[in-house]
Amino acid sequence: MTSRLVALCFDAHDPQGLARFWAGVLGWDLADDPHDGFTLLPNDDTGFRIRFLPSQEPKLGPNQMHFDLTSTSLEDQRQTVARALALGARHLDIGQGPDAEHVVLADPEGNEFCVIEPGNKFLAECGFIGALASDGSQAVGYFWSKALNWPLVWDQDEETAIRSPHGGPKITWGGPPLEPKLGKKYRLHFDLAPPAGEDQQAEVDRLISLGATRVDIGQGDVEWVVMADPDGHEFCVLPPQ
């Protein structure tokens, strides 16, 4: 039994506004969420939803994950940047320098993302969301490869990447040094779910055997199980679906 990656979740001060922003950038449809948030439904091979959940916690530093959006040409890159800016994004300086070919932006709540230049070979086979670029160790790349049963497509100099056998974005981890955790929890997390008819506790036990831990972030009595990967990044295991 292997869990499926159901969603990437953002904590948001204005879940509906942030969902509308990303719906406009990605061209995805907006739907209601069963837990007072908003969900975007993929219209490509991404394979997982994006959820925006209400939170009043402040953003204290760079997120541990960000989107790398691909471009088919310089004009396509320019149009993506222009569309994002018109929807409420802003340019962001993270030390990339004036000669950088990619464009670094932040969404209306400060979540970082990049619009990658055309011709990027690493993302050549991926869709518009080329990668979910993450802060993390080589060990955590191995963990997620086993947790999702996604093969490693990159493993060099402590940098790792995995990709679903069905396509979609890569998930990458940049290796050391890792950024310190700021705040009680990370602003982005994965939702996993076992297949329908399987056992949630058995999947929790399997993930623990791979190196995950159960964590308490004040979630109370809920139907999902909050866990952390070997680097301490939280994720949720939902009931089977």
C-alpha atoms as a PDB file:
ATOM      1  CA  MET A   1       0.000   0.000   0.000  1.00  0.00           C
ATOM      2  CA  THR A   2       1.270   3.472  -0.924  1.00  0.00           C
ATOM      3  CA  SER A   3      -0.408   6.774  -0.248  1.00  0.00           C
ATOM      4  CA  ARG A   4      -1.285   9.126  -3.077  1.00  0.00           C
ATOM      5  CA  LEU A   5      -0.285  12.780  -3.026  1.00  0.00           C
ATOM      6  CA  VAL A   6      -3.721  14.394  -2.870  1.00  0.00           C
ATOM      7  CA  ALA A   7      -2.863  18.065  -2.437  1.00  0.00           C
ATOM      8  CA  LEU A   8      -0.269  20.710  -1.741  1.00  0.00           C
ATOM      9  CA  CYS A   9      -1.700  22.994   0.950  1.00  0.00           C
ATOM     10  CA  PHE A  10      -0.947  26.660   1.611  1.00  0.00           C
ATOM     11  CA  ASP A  11      -1.747  28.434   4.862  1.00  0.00           C
ATOM     12  CA  ALA A  12      -3.347  31.720   3.844  1.00  0.00           C
ATOM     13  CA  HIS A  13      -4.692  34.852   5.516  1.00  0.00           C
ATOM     14  CA  ASP A  14      -7.138  35.226   2.601  1.00  0.00           C
ATOM     15  CA  PRO A  15      -7.664  31.712   1.212  1.00  0.00           C
ATOM     16  CA  GLN A  16     -10.194  32.767  -1.405  1.00  0.00           C
ATOM     17  CA  GLY A  17      -8.080  35.667  -2.663  1.00  0.00           C
ATOM     18  CA  LEU A  18      -4.937  33.563  -2.864  1.00  0.00           C
ATOM     19  CA  ALA A  19      -6.815  30.754  -4.606  1.00  0.00           C
ATOM     20  CA  ARG A  20      -8.138  33.219  -7.176  1.00  0.00           C
ATOM     21  CA  PHE A  21      -4.614  34.508  -7.790  1.00  0.00           C
ATOM     22  CA  TRP A  22      -3.220  31.038  -8.464  1.00  0.00           C
ATOM     23  CA  ALA A  23      -6.265  30.039 -10.496  1.00  0.00           C
ATOM     24  CA  GLY A  24      -5.483  33.011 -12.731  1.00  0.00           C
ATOM     25  CA  VAL A  25      -1.780  32.200 -12.983  1.00  0.00           C
ATOM     26  CA  LEU A  26      -2.236  28.481 -13.637  1.00  0.00           C
ATOM     27  CA  GLY A  27      -5.553  28.512 -15.490  1.00  0.00           C
ATOM     28  CA  TRP A  28      -7.010  25.957 -13.040  1.00  0.00           C
ATOM     29  CA  ASP A  29     -10.625  25.785 -11.859  1.00  0.00           C
ATOM     30  CA  LEU A  30     -11.591  26.942  -8.382  1.00  0.00           C
ATOM     31  CA  ALA A  31     -13.706  24.727  -6.122  1.00  0.00           C
ATOM     32  CA  ASP A  32     -14.929  24.808  -2.529  1.00  0.00           C
ATOM     33  CA  ASP A  33     -12.926  22.958   0.109  1.00  0.00           C
ATOM     34  CA  PRO A  34     -14.528  20.804   2.835  1.00  0.00           C
ATOM     35  CA  HIS A  35     -12.450  22.498   5.567  1.00  0.00           C
ATOM     36  CA  ASP A  36     -13.272  26.204   5.138  1.00  0.00           C
ATOM     37  CA  GLY A  37     -10.681  26.691   2.427  1.00  0.00           C
ATOM     38  CA  PHE A  38     -10.542  26.739  -1.345  1.00  0.00           C
ATOM     39  CA  THR A  39      -9.206  24.169  -3.771  1.00  0.00           C
ATOM     40  CA  LEU A  40      -7.769  24.377  -7.279  1.00  0.00           C
ATOM     41  CA  LEU A  41      -8.386  21.406  -9.572  1.00  0.00           C
ATOM     42  CA  PRO A  42      -5.615  20.589 -12.051  1.00  0.00           C
ATOM     43  CA  ASN A  43      -6.409  20.661 -15.762  1.00  0.00           C
ATOM     44  CA  ASP A  44      -3.155  18.968 -16.772  1.00  0.00           C
ATOM     45  CA  ASP A  45      -1.058  16.020 -15.617  1.00  0.00           C
ATOM     46  CA  THR A  46      -0.026  17.652 -12.322  1.00  0.00           C
ATOM     47  CA  GLY A  47      -1.909  14.941 -10.457  1.00  0.00           C
ATOM     48  CA  PHE A  48      -2.552  16.773  -7.195  1.00  0.00           C
ATOM     49  CA  ARG A  49      -4.771  19.626  -6.076  1.00  0.00           C
ATOM     50  CA  ILE A  50      -3.695  22.888  -4.485  1.00  0.00           C
ATOM     51  CA  ARG A  51      -5.546  23.833  -1.312  1.00  0.00           C
ATOM     52  CA  PHE A  52      -5.627  27.199   0.471  1.00  0.00           C
ATOM     53  CA  LEU A  53      -6.520  26.938   4.145  1.00  0.00           C
ATOM     54  CA  PRO A  54      -7.272  29.742   6.622  1.00  0.00           C
ATOM     55  CA  SER A  55      -4.480  30.722   9.002  1.00  0.00           C
ATOM     56  CA  GLN A  56      -3.622  33.870  10.932  1.00  0.00           C
ATOM     57  CA  GLU A  57       0.009  32.889  11.493  1.00  0.00           C
ATOM     58  CA  PRO A  58       2.464  35.427  10.018  1.00  0.00           C
ATOM     59  CA  LYS A  59       4.921  34.479   7.288  1.00  0.00           C
ATOM     60  CA  LEU A  60       8.308  34.663   9.003  1.00  0.00           C
ATOM     61  CA  GLY A  61      10.753  33.798   6.234  1.00  0.00           C
ATOM     62  CA  PRO A  62      11.165  32.009   2.911  1.00  0.00           C
ATOM     63  CA  ASN A  63       8.895  29.021   2.412  1.00  0.00           C
ATOM     64  CA  GLN A  64      10.444  25.560   2.375  1.00  0.00           C
ATOM     65  CA  MET A  65       8.836  24.899  -1.035  1.00  0.00           C
ATOM     66  CA  HIS A  66       8.129  27.012  -4.102  1.00  0.00           C
ATOM     67  CA  PHE A  67       6.868  26.521  -7.639  1.00  0.00           C
ATOM     68  CA  ASP A  68       9.159  26.641 -10.666  1.00  0.00           C
ATOM     69  CA  LEU A  69       6.924  27.548 -13.611  1.00  0.00           C
ATOM     70  CA  THR A  70       8.218  26.709 -17.076  1.00  0.00           C
ATOM     71  CA  SER A  71       8.290  28.753 -20.289  1.00  0.00           C
ATOM     72  CA  THR A  72       8.224  27.702 -23.931  1.00  0.00           C
ATOM     73  CA  SER A  73       9.841  30.941 -25.185  1.00  0.00           C
ATOM     74  CA  LEU A  74      11.064  34.294 -23.933  1.00  0.00           C
ATOM     75  CA  GLU A  75       7.722  35.790 -24.940  1.00  0.00           C
ATOM     76  CA  ASP A  76       5.884  33.058 -23.046  1.00  0.00           C
ATOM     77  CA  GLN A  77       8.019  33.786 -19.975  1.00  0.00           C
ATOM     78  CA  ARG A  78       7.282  37.498 -20.302  1.00  0.00           C
ATOM     79  CA  GLN A  79       3.547  36.832 -20.588  1.00  0.00           C
ATOM     80  CA  THR A  80       3.527  34.611 -17.497  1.00  0.00           C
ATOM     81  CA  VAL A  81       5.341  37.268 -15.482  1.00  0.00           C
ATOM     82  CA  ALA A  82       3.031  40.004 -16.761  1.00  0.00           C
ATOM     83  CA  ARG A  83      -0.082  37.930 -15.962  1.00  0.00           C
ATOM     84  CA  ALA A  84       1.158  37.218 -12.434  1.00  0.00           C
ATOM     85  CA  LEU A  85       1.984  40.883 -11.803  1.00  0.00           C
ATOM     86  CA  ALA A  86      -1.447  41.961 -13.077  1.00  0.00           C
ATOM     87  CA  LEU A  87      -3.057  39.506 -10.646  1.00  0.00           C
ATOM     88  CA  GLY A  88      -1.144  40.896  -7.668  1.00  0.00           C
ATOM     89  CA  ALA A  89       2.339  39.361  -7.674  1.00  0.00           C
ATOM     90  CA  ARG A  90       5.504  41.410  -7.170  1.00  0.00           C
ATOM     91  CA  HIS A  91       9.138  41.048  -8.112  1.00  0.00           C
ATOM     92  CA  LEU A  92      11.347  39.610  -5.382  1.00  0.00           C
ATOM     93  CA  ASP A  93      15.091  39.940  -4.833  1.00  0.00           C
ATOM     94  CA  ILE A  94      16.556  36.874  -3.145  1.00  0.00           C
ATOM     95  CA  GLY A  95      20.077  37.581  -4.341  1.00  0.00           C
ATOM     96  CA  GLN A  96      19.594  36.106  -7.819  1.00  0.00           C
ATOM     97  CA  GLY A  97      21.492  38.967  -9.464  1.00  0.00           C
ATOM     98  CA  PRO A  98      20.744  41.007 -12.585  1.00  0.00           C
ATOM     99  CA  ASP A  99      22.008  38.335 -14.980  1.00  0.00           C
ATOM    100  CA  ALA A 100      19.617  35.620 -13.786  1.00  0.00           C
ATOM    101  CA  GLU A 101      17.530  34.197 -16.608  1.00  0.00           C
ATOM    102  CA  HIS A 102      14.708  33.112 -14.334  1.00  0.00           C
ATOM    103  CA  VAL A 103      12.331  35.632 -12.755  1.00  0.00           C
ATOM    104  CA  VAL A 104      11.640  35.484  -9.020  1.00  0.00           C
ATOM    105  CA  LEU A 105       8.211  36.641  -7.879  1.00  0.00           C
ATOM    106  CA  ALA A 106       6.051  36.575  -4.762  1.00  0.00           C
ATOM    107  CA  ASP A 107       2.298  36.049  -4.723  1.00  0.00           C
ATOM    108  CA  PRO A 108      -0.016  38.465  -2.832  1.00  0.00           C
ATOM    109  CA  GLU A 109       0.834  36.816   0.512  1.00  0.00           C
ATOM    110  CA  GLY A 110       4.569  36.713  -0.123  1.00  0.00           C
ATOM    111  CA  ASN A 111       4.893  33.066  -1.211  1.00  0.00           C
ATOM    112  CA  GLU A 112       7.890  32.828  -3.494  1.00  0.00           C
ATOM    113  CA  PHE A 113       7.824  31.308  -6.982  1.00  0.00           C
ATOM    114  CA  CYS A 114      10.022  31.364 -10.068  1.00  0.00           C
ATOM    115  CA  VAL A 115       9.252  31.680 -13.774  1.00  0.00           C
ATOM    116  CA  ILE A 116      11.999  29.649 -15.431  1.00  0.00           C
ATOM    117  CA  GLU A 117      13.635  30.628 -18.707  1.00  0.00           C
ATOM    118  CA  PRO A 118      12.920  28.609 -21.873  1.00  0.00           C
ATOM    119  CA  GLY A 119      15.275  25.780 -22.723  1.00  0.00           C
ATOM    120  CA  ASN A 120      15.737  24.518 -19.155  1.00  0.00           C
ATOM    121  CA  LYS A 121      16.739  20.900 -19.765  1.00  0.00           C
ATOM    122  CA  PHE A 122      15.995  19.666 -16.249  1.00  0.00           C
ATOM    123  CA  LEU A 123      12.320  20.613 -16.621  1.00  0.00           C
ATOM    124  CA  ALA A 124      12.028  19.886 -20.338  1.00  0.00           C
ATOM    125  CA  GLU A 125       9.526  17.029 -19.967  1.00  0.00           C
ATOM    126  CA  CYS A 126       7.434  18.707 -17.281  1.00  0.00           C
ATOM    127  CA  GLY A 127       4.320  20.815 -17.658  1.00  0.00           C
ATOM    128  CA  PHE A 128       3.680  24.430 -16.690  1.00  0.00           C
ATOM    129  CA  ILE A 129       4.373  23.606 -13.041  1.00  0.00           C
ATOM    130  CA  GLY A 130       7.798  22.228 -13.782  1.00  0.00           C
ATOM    131  CA  ALA A 131       8.885  21.564 -10.231  1.00  0.00           C
ATOM    132  CA  LEU A 132       8.087  22.021  -6.601  1.00  0.00           C
ATOM    133  CA  ALA A 133      11.542  23.114  -5.460  1.00  0.00           C
ATOM    134  CA  SER A 134      12.115  22.298  -1.804  1.00  0.00           C
ATOM    135  CA  ASP A 135      14.561  22.846   1.002  1.00  0.00           C
ATOM    136  CA  GLY A 136      15.602  19.416   2.212  1.00  0.00           C
ATOM    137  CA  SER A 137      18.269  16.796   2.683  1.00  0.00           C
ATOM    138  CA  GLN A 138      19.194  13.855   0.506  1.00  0.00           C
ATOM    139  CA  ALA A 139      17.636  11.596   3.149  1.00  0.00           C
ATOM    140  CA  VAL A 140      14.286  13.352   2.850  1.00  0.00           C
ATOM    141  CA  GLY A 141      14.356  12.896  -0.918  1.00  0.00           C
ATOM    142  CA  TYR A 142      14.833   9.176  -0.343  1.00  0.00           C
ATOM    143  CA  PHE A 143      12.003   9.207   2.206  1.00  0.00           C
ATOM    144  CA  TRP A 144       9.500  10.797  -0.173  1.00  0.00           C
ATOM    145  CA  SER A 145      10.530   8.519  -3.012  1.00  0.00           C
ATOM    146  CA  LYS A 146       9.565   5.538  -0.857  1.00  0.00           C
ATOM    147  CA  ALA A 147       6.539   7.218   0.736  1.00  0.00           C
ATOM    148  CA  LEU A 148       4.911   8.013  -2.634  1.00  0.00           C
ATOM    149  CA  ASN A 149       6.531   5.225  -4.667  1.00  0.00           C
ATOM    150  CA  TRP A 150       7.869   7.831  -7.079  1.00  0.00           C
ATOM    151  CA  PRO A 151      11.257   7.034  -8.631  1.00  0.00           C
ATOM    152  CA  LEU A 152      14.316   9.176  -8.052  1.00  0.00           C
ATOM    153  CA  VAL A 153      15.047  11.101 -11.254  1.00  0.00           C
ATOM    154  CA  TRP A 154      18.021  12.987  -9.814  1.00  0.00           C
ATOM    155  CA  ASP A 155      20.490  12.080  -7.067  1.00  0.00           C
ATOM    156  CA  GLN A 156      23.759  13.989  -7.208  1.00  0.00           C
ATOM    157  CA  ASP A 157      25.825  16.045  -4.753  1.00  0.00           C
ATOM    158  CA  GLU A 158      23.124  15.528  -2.079  1.00  0.00           C
ATOM    159  CA  GLU A 159      20.492  17.068  -4.368  1.00  0.00           C
ATOM    160  CA  THR A 160      17.531  14.808  -5.146  1.00  0.00           C
ATOM    161  CA  ALA A 161      14.383  14.864  -7.248  1.00  0.00           C
ATOM    162  CA  ILE A 162      11.435  12.544  -7.687  1.00  0.00           C
ATOM    163  CA  ARG A 163       8.624  12.471 -10.231  1.00  0.00           C
ATOM    164  CA  SER A 164       5.419  10.516 -10.504  1.00  0.00           C
ATOM    165  CA  PRO A 165       5.517   7.644 -13.019  1.00  0.00           C
ATOM    166  CA  HIS A 166       2.418   9.291 -14.524  1.00  0.00           C
ATOM    167  CA  GLY A 167       4.226  12.572 -15.242  1.00  0.00           C
ATOM    168  CA  GLY A 168       3.615  16.004 -13.798  1.00  0.00           C
ATOM    169  CA  PRO A 169       6.021  18.198 -11.807  1.00  0.00           C
ATOM    170  CA  LYS A 170       9.230  17.069 -10.215  1.00  0.00           C
ATOM    171  CA  ILE A 171       9.682  17.520  -6.482  1.00  0.00           C
ATOM    172  CA  THR A 172      13.255  18.540  -5.761  1.00  0.00           C
ATOM    173  CA  TRP A 173      15.372  18.942  -2.626  1.00  0.00           C
ATOM    174  CA  GLY A 174      18.459  21.122  -2.715  1.00  0.00           C
ATOM    175  CA  GLY A 175      20.544  19.462   0.005  1.00  0.00           C
ATOM    176  CA  PRO A 176      22.500  21.206   2.788  1.00  0.00           C
ATOM    177  CA  PRO A 177      22.621  23.699   4.295  1.00  0.00           C
ATOM    178  CA  LEU A 178      18.992  23.550   5.386  1.00  0.00           C
ATOM    179  CA  GLU A 179      17.104  26.682   6.386  1.00  0.00           C
ATOM    180  CA  PRO A 180      16.064  26.870  10.052  1.00  0.00           C
ATOM    181  CA  LYS A 181      12.386  26.408  10.861  1.00  0.00           C
ATOM    182  CA  LEU A 182      10.655  29.667  11.717  1.00  0.00           C
ATOM    183  CA  GLY A 183       7.380  29.557  13.593  1.00  0.00           C
ATOM    184  CA  LYS A 184       5.343  26.680  14.944  1.00  0.00           C
ATOM    185  CA  LYS A 185       4.740  25.018  11.576  1.00  0.00           C
ATOM    186  CA  TYR A 186       5.612  25.379   7.923  1.00  0.00           C
ATOM    187  CA  ARG A 187       3.192  27.324   5.721  1.00  0.00           C
ATOM    188  CA  LEU A 188       3.068  24.625   3.028  1.00  0.00           C
ATOM    189  CA  HIS A 189       2.393  20.942   3.537  1.00  0.00           C
ATOM    190  CA  PHE A 190       1.357  17.819   1.643  1.00  0.00           C
ATOM    191  CA  ASP A 191      -1.911  15.942   2.095  1.00  0.00           C
ATOM    192  CA  LEU A 192      -1.565  12.191   1.474  1.00  0.00           C
ATOM    193  CA  ALA A 193      -4.308   9.572   1.433  1.00  0.00           C
ATOM    194  CA  PRO A 194      -4.272   5.773   1.219  1.00  0.00           C
ATOM    195  CA  PRO A 195      -6.401   4.208  -1.508  1.00  0.00           C
ATOM    196  CA  ALA A 196     -10.076   3.576  -0.812  1.00  0.00           C
ATOM    197  CA  GLY A 197     -10.552   0.423   1.215  1.00  0.00           C
ATOM    198  CA  GLU A 198      -7.100   0.544   2.788  1.00  0.00           C
ATOM    199  CA  ASP A 199      -6.232   1.241   6.422  1.00  0.00           C
ATOM    200  CA  GLN A 200      -5.135   4.717   7.527  1.00  0.00           C
ATOM    201  CA  GLN A 201      -3.300   3.463  10.630  1.00  0.00           C
ATOM    202  CA  ALA A 202      -1.409   0.864   8.614  1.00  0.00           C
ATOM    203  CA  GLU A 203      -0.203   3.626   6.303  1.00  0.00           C
ATOM    204  CA  VAL A 204       0.827   5.781   9.273  1.00  0.00           C
ATOM    205  CA  ASP A 205       2.818   2.833  10.612  1.00  0.00           C
ATOM    206  CA  ARG A 206       4.483   2.341   7.217  1.00  0.00           C
ATOM    207  CA  LEU A 207       5.500   5.988   7.048  1.00  0.00           C
ATOM    208  CA  ILE A 208       6.907   5.807  10.581  1.00  0.00           C
ATOM    209  CA  SER A 209       8.981   2.802   9.500  1.00  0.00           C
ATOM    210  CA  LEU A 210      10.405   4.981   6.711  1.00  0.00           C
ATOM    211  CA  GLY A 211      11.451   7.720   9.143  1.00  0.00           C
ATOM    212  CA  ALA A 212       8.376   9.906   9.685  1.00  0.00           C
ATOM    213  CA  THR A 213       7.048  10.890  13.121  1.00  0.00           C
ATOM    214  CA  ARG A 214       3.638  11.841  14.469  1.00  0.00           C
ATOM    215  CA  VAL A 215       3.486  15.481  15.601  1.00  0.00           C
ATOM    216  CA  ASP A 216       1.090  17.679  17.542  1.00  0.00           C
ATOM    217  CA  ILE A 217       0.579  21.173  16.118  1.00  0.00           C
ATOM    218  CA  GLY A 218      -2.610  21.739  18.097  1.00  0.00           C
ATOM    219  CA  GLN A 219      -4.831  19.977  15.559  1.00  0.00           C
ATOM    220  CA  GLY A 220      -7.090  18.476  18.229  1.00  0.00           C
ATOM    221  CA  ASP A 221      -9.460  15.615  17.443  1.00  0.00           C
ATOM    222  CA  VAL A 222      -9.429  15.409  13.643  1.00  0.00           C
ATOM    223  CA  GLU A 223      -9.852  12.626  11.113  1.00  0.00           C
ATOM    224  CA  TRP A 224      -6.387  13.119   9.619  1.00  0.00           C
ATOM    225  CA  VAL A 225      -3.015  12.317  11.166  1.00  0.00           C
ATOM    226  CA  VAL A 226      -0.364  15.030  11.301  1.00  0.00           C
ATOM    227  CA  MET A 227       3.150  13.786  10.717  1.00  0.00           C
ATOM    228  CA  ALA A 228       6.602  15.147   9.928  1.00  0.00           C
ATOM    229  CA  ASP A 229       9.167  13.846   7.466  1.00  0.00           C
ATOM    230  CA  PRO A 230      12.795  13.208   8.543  1.00  0.00           C
ATOM    231  CA  ASP A 231      13.630  16.919   8.063  1.00  0.00           C
ATOM    232  CA  GLY A 232      10.693  18.007  10.233  1.00  0.00           C
ATOM    233  CA  HIS A 233       8.357  19.187   7.443  1.00  0.00           C
ATOM    234  CA  GLU A 234       4.746  18.519   8.413  1.00  0.00           C
ATOM    235  CA  PHE A 235       2.310  16.573   6.255  1.00  0.00           C
ATOM    236  CA  CYS A 236      -1.123  15.043   6.774  1.00  0.00           C
ATOM    237  CA  VAL A 237      -2.395  11.522   6.184  1.00  0.00           C
ATOM    238  CA  LEU A 238      -6.086  11.718   5.350  1.00  0.00           C
ATOM    239  CA  PRO A 239      -8.602   8.885   5.608  1.00  0.00           C
ATOM    240  CA  PRO A 240      -8.597   6.511   2.614  1.00  0.00           C
ATOM    241  CA  GLN A 241     -10.085   7.914  -0.578  1.00  0.00           C
END
